[in-house]
Amino acid sequence: MRLIYKDYIFLFQETNLERIIDGKYFKVNTKDNALSLHVQLDNEQMLLEFSKSLKATCGFLRDQETEPYIGTYIDLQVFVDEFNKRYNLNAEIIV
């Protein structure tokens, strides 16, 4: 299972997903901090909803990879765009 954004590729098992309330963003970074990006969202309630949605989607897709030759990914830009449409928000990815 992978999260991708442009040239960034985050392997799920080697990635931290963390909601940062004070800074009002969702942080995606590798455990060694080699890659990092933020999804900026000013609405605290929607930040929580984004966090739950992304983590649940990642968990669901990871559980579907039953064989080593099956690979799934989430395009983070498409995920954010769809989230924005659904909730009429303006979350943006910041590298």
N, C-alpha and C. Protein backbone atom coordinates (compact mmCIF):
# COMPACT_ATOMS: atom_id res chain seq x y z
N MET A 1 0.85 -1.17 0.00
CA MET A 1 0.00 0.00 0.00
C MET A 1 0.89 1.23 0.00
N ARG A 2 0.57 2.16 -0.87
CA ARG A 2 1.37 3.37 -1.00
C ARG A 2 0.48 4.61 -1.06
N LEU A 3 0.99 5.70 -0.53
CA LEU A 3 0.42 7.02 -0.74
C LEU A 3 1.34 7.72 -1.73
N ILE A 4 0.79 8.32 -2.76
CA ILE A 4 1.63 9.02 -3.73
C ILE A 4 1.16 10.46 -3.89
N TYR A 5 2.11 11.33 -4.16
CA TYR A 5 1.83 12.71 -4.51
C TYR A 5 2.96 13.17 -5.42
N LYS A 6 2.63 13.41 -6.67
CA LYS A 6 3.62 13.78 -7.69
C LYS A 6 4.75 12.76 -7.67
N ASP A 7 5.99 13.17 -7.36
CA ASP A 7 7.13 12.25 -7.32
C ASP A 7 7.36 11.64 -5.94
N TYR A 8 6.53 12.00 -4.98
CA TYR A 8 6.66 11.47 -3.63
C TYR A 8 5.92 10.14 -3.54
N ILE A 9 6.60 9.14 -2.99
CA ILE A 9 5.98 7.83 -2.77
C ILE A 9 6.22 7.44 -1.32
N PHE A 10 5.14 7.26 -0.59
CA PHE A 10 5.20 6.87 0.82
C PHE A 10 4.71 5.44 0.95
N LEU A 11 5.58 4.52 1.35
CA LEU A 11 5.17 3.15 1.64
C LEU A 11 4.43 3.17 2.98
N PHE A 12 3.22 2.64 3.00
CA PHE A 12 2.37 2.77 4.18
C PHE A 12 3.03 2.26 5.45
N GLN A 13 3.68 1.12 5.40
CA GLN A 13 4.28 0.55 6.60
C GLN A 13 5.48 1.34 7.11
N GLU A 14 6.00 2.25 6.27
CA GLU A 14 7.15 3.08 6.66
C GLU A 14 6.78 4.55 6.79
N THR A 15 5.47 4.83 6.96
CA THR A 15 4.99 6.20 6.95
C THR A 15 4.19 6.53 8.20
N ASN A 16 4.38 7.74 8.70
CA ASN A 16 3.59 8.26 9.81
C ASN A 16 2.49 9.16 9.26
N LEU A 17 1.30 9.01 9.79
CA LEU A 17 0.17 9.87 9.47
C LEU A 17 -0.25 10.53 10.78
N GLU A 18 -0.18 11.86 10.85
CA GLU A 18 -0.41 12.52 12.13
C GLU A 18 -1.17 13.82 11.94
N ARG A 19 -2.18 14.00 12.76
CA ARG A 19 -2.96 15.24 12.75
C ARG A 19 -2.32 16.22 13.73
N ILE A 20 -1.98 17.42 13.25
CA ILE A 20 -1.36 18.46 14.07
C ILE A 20 -2.40 19.55 14.29
N ILE A 21 -3.01 19.59 15.46
CA ILE A 21 -4.12 20.50 15.73
C ILE A 21 -3.66 21.95 15.80
N ASP A 22 -2.57 22.23 16.51
CA ASP A 22 -2.11 23.61 16.68
C ASP A 22 -1.80 24.28 15.35
N GLY A 23 -1.14 23.55 14.46
CA GLY A 23 -0.77 24.12 13.18
C GLY A 23 -1.85 23.95 12.12
N LYS A 24 -2.93 23.24 12.46
CA LYS A 24 -4.06 23.00 11.57
C LYS A 24 -3.63 22.35 10.25
N TYR A 25 -2.90 21.24 10.37
CA TYR A 25 -2.52 20.49 9.19
C TYR A 25 -2.41 19.01 9.53
N PHE A 26 -2.40 18.21 8.48
CA PHE A 26 -2.21 16.77 8.59
C PHE A 26 -0.85 16.47 8.00
N LYS A 27 -0.02 15.79 8.75
CA LYS A 27 1.36 15.53 8.35
C LYS A 27 1.51 14.10 7.85
N VAL A 28 2.16 13.96 6.70
CA VAL A 28 2.52 12.66 6.14
C VAL A 28 4.03 12.67 6.01
N ASN A 29 4.71 11.75 6.68
CA ASN A 29 6.16 11.69 6.57
C ASN A 29 6.67 10.26 6.75
N THR A 30 7.83 10.01 6.15
CA THR A 30 8.45 8.70 6.35
C THR A 30 9.03 8.65 7.76
N LYS A 31 9.17 7.47 8.29
CA LYS A 31 9.67 7.32 9.66
C LYS A 31 11.09 7.84 9.81
N ASP A 32 11.86 7.86 8.71
CA ASP A 32 13.21 8.41 8.78
C ASP A 32 13.24 9.90 8.41
N ASN A 33 12.07 10.50 8.20
CA ASN A 33 11.90 11.92 7.86
C ASN A 33 12.57 12.33 6.55
N ALA A 34 12.82 11.38 5.66
CA ALA A 34 13.41 11.71 4.37
C ALA A 34 12.41 12.42 3.47
N LEU A 35 11.12 12.06 3.58
CA LEU A 35 10.05 12.69 2.81
C LEU A 35 8.99 13.19 3.77
N SER A 36 8.43 14.36 3.47
CA SER A 36 7.39 14.91 4.31
C SER A 36 6.53 15.87 3.51
N LEU A 37 5.24 15.90 3.84
CA LEU A 37 4.34 16.90 3.28
C LEU A 37 3.21 17.14 4.27
N HIS A 38 2.51 18.26 4.08
CA HIS A 38 1.40 18.63 4.94
C HIS A 38 0.16 18.84 4.10
N VAL A 39 -0.98 18.52 4.66
CA VAL A 39 -2.25 18.88 4.07
C VAL A 39 -2.83 19.95 4.99
N GLN A 40 -2.82 21.18 4.52
CA GLN A 40 -3.27 22.33 5.31
C GLN A 40 -4.79 22.42 5.28
N LEU A 41 -5.41 22.51 6.46
CA LEU A 41 -6.86 22.62 6.56
C LEU A 41 -7.19 23.39 7.83
N ASP A 42 -7.78 24.56 7.68
CA ASP A 42 -8.01 25.46 8.82
C ASP A 42 -9.15 25.05 9.74
N ASN A 43 -10.06 24.25 9.27
CA ASN A 43 -11.21 23.83 10.05
C ASN A 43 -10.83 22.61 10.90
N GLU A 44 -10.81 22.79 12.23
CA GLU A 44 -10.36 21.71 13.12
C GLU A 44 -11.23 20.46 13.04
N GLN A 45 -12.54 20.63 12.94
CA GLN A 45 -13.44 19.48 12.84
C GLN A 45 -13.21 18.71 11.54
N MET A 46 -13.01 19.45 10.46
CA MET A 46 -12.78 18.81 9.16
C MET A 46 -11.38 18.19 9.10
N LEU A 47 -10.44 18.75 9.86
CA LEU A 47 -9.11 18.15 9.96
C LEU A 47 -9.22 16.77 10.60
N LEU A 48 -10.04 16.66 11.64
CA LEU A 48 -10.28 15.37 12.28
C LEU A 48 -10.94 14.41 11.29
N GLU A 49 -11.93 14.90 10.54
CA GLU A 49 -12.62 14.06 9.55
C GLU A 49 -11.66 13.61 8.45
N PHE A 50 -10.78 14.50 8.00
CA PHE A 50 -9.79 14.14 6.98
C PHE A 50 -8.88 13.05 7.51
N SER A 51 -8.40 13.22 8.74
CA SER A 51 -7.52 12.24 9.37
C SER A 51 -8.17 10.87 9.44
N LYS A 52 -9.40 10.82 9.93
CA LYS A 52 -10.12 9.54 10.04
C LYS A 52 -10.35 8.92 8.67
N SER A 53 -10.73 9.74 7.70
CA SER A 53 -11.02 9.22 6.36
C SER A 53 -9.79 8.63 5.70
N LEU A 54 -8.69 9.36 5.75
CA LEU A 54 -7.47 8.87 5.11
C LEU A 54 -6.94 7.61 5.80
N LYS A 55 -6.92 7.61 7.11
CA LYS A 55 -6.43 6.43 7.84
C LYS A 55 -7.31 5.21 7.60
N ALA A 56 -8.62 5.41 7.58
CA ALA A 56 -9.54 4.29 7.33
C ALA A 56 -9.37 3.76 5.91
N THR A 57 -9.23 4.65 4.95
CA THR A 57 -9.05 4.23 3.56
C THR A 57 -7.74 3.46 3.40
N CYS A 58 -6.68 3.97 4.00
CA CYS A 58 -5.38 3.28 3.93
C CYS A 58 -5.48 1.89 4.57
N GLY A 59 -6.10 1.81 5.73
CA GLY A 59 -6.25 0.53 6.41
C GLY A 59 -7.06 -0.46 5.59
N PHE A 60 -8.15 0.01 5.00
CA PHE A 60 -8.98 -0.86 4.17
C PHE A 60 -8.19 -1.40 2.98
N LEU A 61 -7.50 -0.51 2.28
CA LEU A 61 -6.74 -0.94 1.10
C LEU A 61 -5.58 -1.87 1.48
N ARG A 62 -4.93 -1.57 2.59
CA ARG A 62 -3.82 -2.43 3.05
C ARG A 62 -4.34 -3.84 3.32
N ASP A 63 -5.52 -3.94 3.92
CA ASP A 63 -6.09 -5.25 4.23
C ASP A 63 -6.47 -6.03 2.97
N GLN A 64 -6.68 -5.34 1.85
CA GLN A 64 -7.05 -6.00 0.60
C GLN A 64 -5.85 -6.59 -0.13
N GLU A 65 -4.65 -6.18 0.24
CA GLU A 65 -3.44 -6.72 -0.40
C GLU A 65 -3.14 -8.09 0.19
N THR A 66 -3.71 -9.10 -0.40
CA THR A 66 -3.57 -10.44 0.16
C THR A 66 -2.41 -11.22 -0.43
N GLU A 67 -1.87 -10.77 -1.53
CA GLU A 67 -0.76 -11.45 -2.19
C GLU A 67 0.36 -10.45 -2.45
N PRO A 68 1.61 -10.91 -2.47
CA PRO A 68 2.73 -9.99 -2.66
C PRO A 68 2.74 -9.29 -4.02
N TYR A 69 2.06 -9.83 -4.99
CA TYR A 69 2.05 -9.24 -6.33
C TYR A 69 0.91 -8.22 -6.50
N ILE A 70 0.08 -8.06 -5.48
CA ILE A 70 -1.00 -7.07 -5.54
C ILE A 70 -0.51 -5.79 -4.87
N GLY A 71 -0.60 -4.68 -5.58
CA GLY A 71 -0.19 -3.39 -5.02
C GLY A 71 -1.29 -2.37 -5.19
N THR A 72 -1.58 -1.63 -4.15
CA THR A 72 -2.58 -0.58 -4.22
C THR A 72 -1.95 0.74 -3.81
N TYR A 73 -2.56 1.83 -4.25
CA TYR A 73 -2.06 3.13 -3.87
C TYR A 73 -3.20 4.13 -3.79
N ILE A 74 -2.94 5.20 -3.06
CA ILE A 74 -3.86 6.33 -3.00
C ILE A 74 -3.11 7.52 -3.57
N ASP A 75 -3.71 8.16 -4.57
CA ASP A 75 -3.17 9.41 -5.09
C ASP A 75 -3.66 10.51 -4.16
N LEU A 76 -2.75 11.07 -3.37
CA LEU A 76 -3.12 12.01 -2.33
C LEU A 76 -3.76 13.27 -2.91
N GLN A 77 -3.33 13.72 -4.09
CA GLN A 77 -3.94 14.91 -4.68
C GLN A 77 -5.41 14.65 -5.03
N VAL A 78 -5.70 13.51 -5.59
CA VAL A 78 -7.09 13.17 -5.93
C VAL A 78 -7.92 13.02 -4.65
N PHE A 79 -7.34 12.39 -3.62
CA PHE A 79 -8.04 12.23 -2.34
C PHE A 79 -8.41 13.59 -1.75
N VAL A 80 -7.45 14.53 -1.73
CA VAL A 80 -7.70 15.87 -1.19
C VAL A 80 -8.73 16.61 -2.04
N ASP A 81 -8.62 16.51 -3.36
CA ASP A 81 -9.59 17.18 -4.25
C ASP A 81 -11.01 16.66 -4.00
N GLU A 82 -11.15 15.36 -3.87
CA GLU A 82 -12.48 14.77 -3.62
C GLU A 82 -13.01 15.15 -2.23
N PHE A 83 -12.13 15.19 -1.25
CA PHE A 83 -12.52 15.61 0.10
C PHE A 83 -13.01 17.05 0.06
N ASN A 84 -12.29 17.91 -0.66
CA ASN A 84 -12.69 19.31 -0.79
C ASN A 84 -14.07 19.44 -1.45
N LYS A 85 -14.29 18.68 -2.49
CA LYS A 85 -15.59 18.72 -3.18
C LYS A 85 -16.72 18.26 -2.26
N ARG A 86 -16.49 17.16 -1.57
CA ARG A 86 -17.53 16.58 -0.72
C ARG A 86 -17.95 17.52 0.40
N TYR A 87 -16.97 18.20 1.01
CA TYR A 87 -17.26 19.04 2.17
C TYR A 87 -17.16 20.55 1.89
N ASN A 88 -16.99 20.90 0.62
CA ASN A 88 -16.89 22.30 0.22
C ASN A 88 -15.80 23.02 1.01
N LEU A 89 -14.58 22.47 0.98
CA LEU A 89 -13.44 23.01 1.70
C LEU A 89 -12.34 23.44 0.76
N ASN A 90 -11.24 23.87 1.32
CA ASN A 90 -10.10 24.29 0.50
C ASN A 90 -8.79 23.74 1.05
N ALA A 91 -8.77 22.49 1.44
CA ALA A 91 -7.52 21.87 1.90
C ALA A 91 -6.53 21.86 0.76
N GLU A 92 -5.25 22.06 1.10
CA GLU A 92 -4.23 22.02 0.06
C GLU A 92 -2.99 21.30 0.56
N ILE A 93 -2.27 20.70 -0.36
CA ILE A 93 -1.05 19.97 -0.03
C ILE A 93 0.12 20.93 -0.13
N ILE A 94 0.96 20.93 0.91
CA ILE A 94 2.13 21.79 0.96
C ILE A 94 3.36 20.91 1.14
N VAL A 95 4.31 21.07 0.26
CA VAL A 95 5.55 20.28 0.34
C VAL A 95 6.64 21.10 0.98
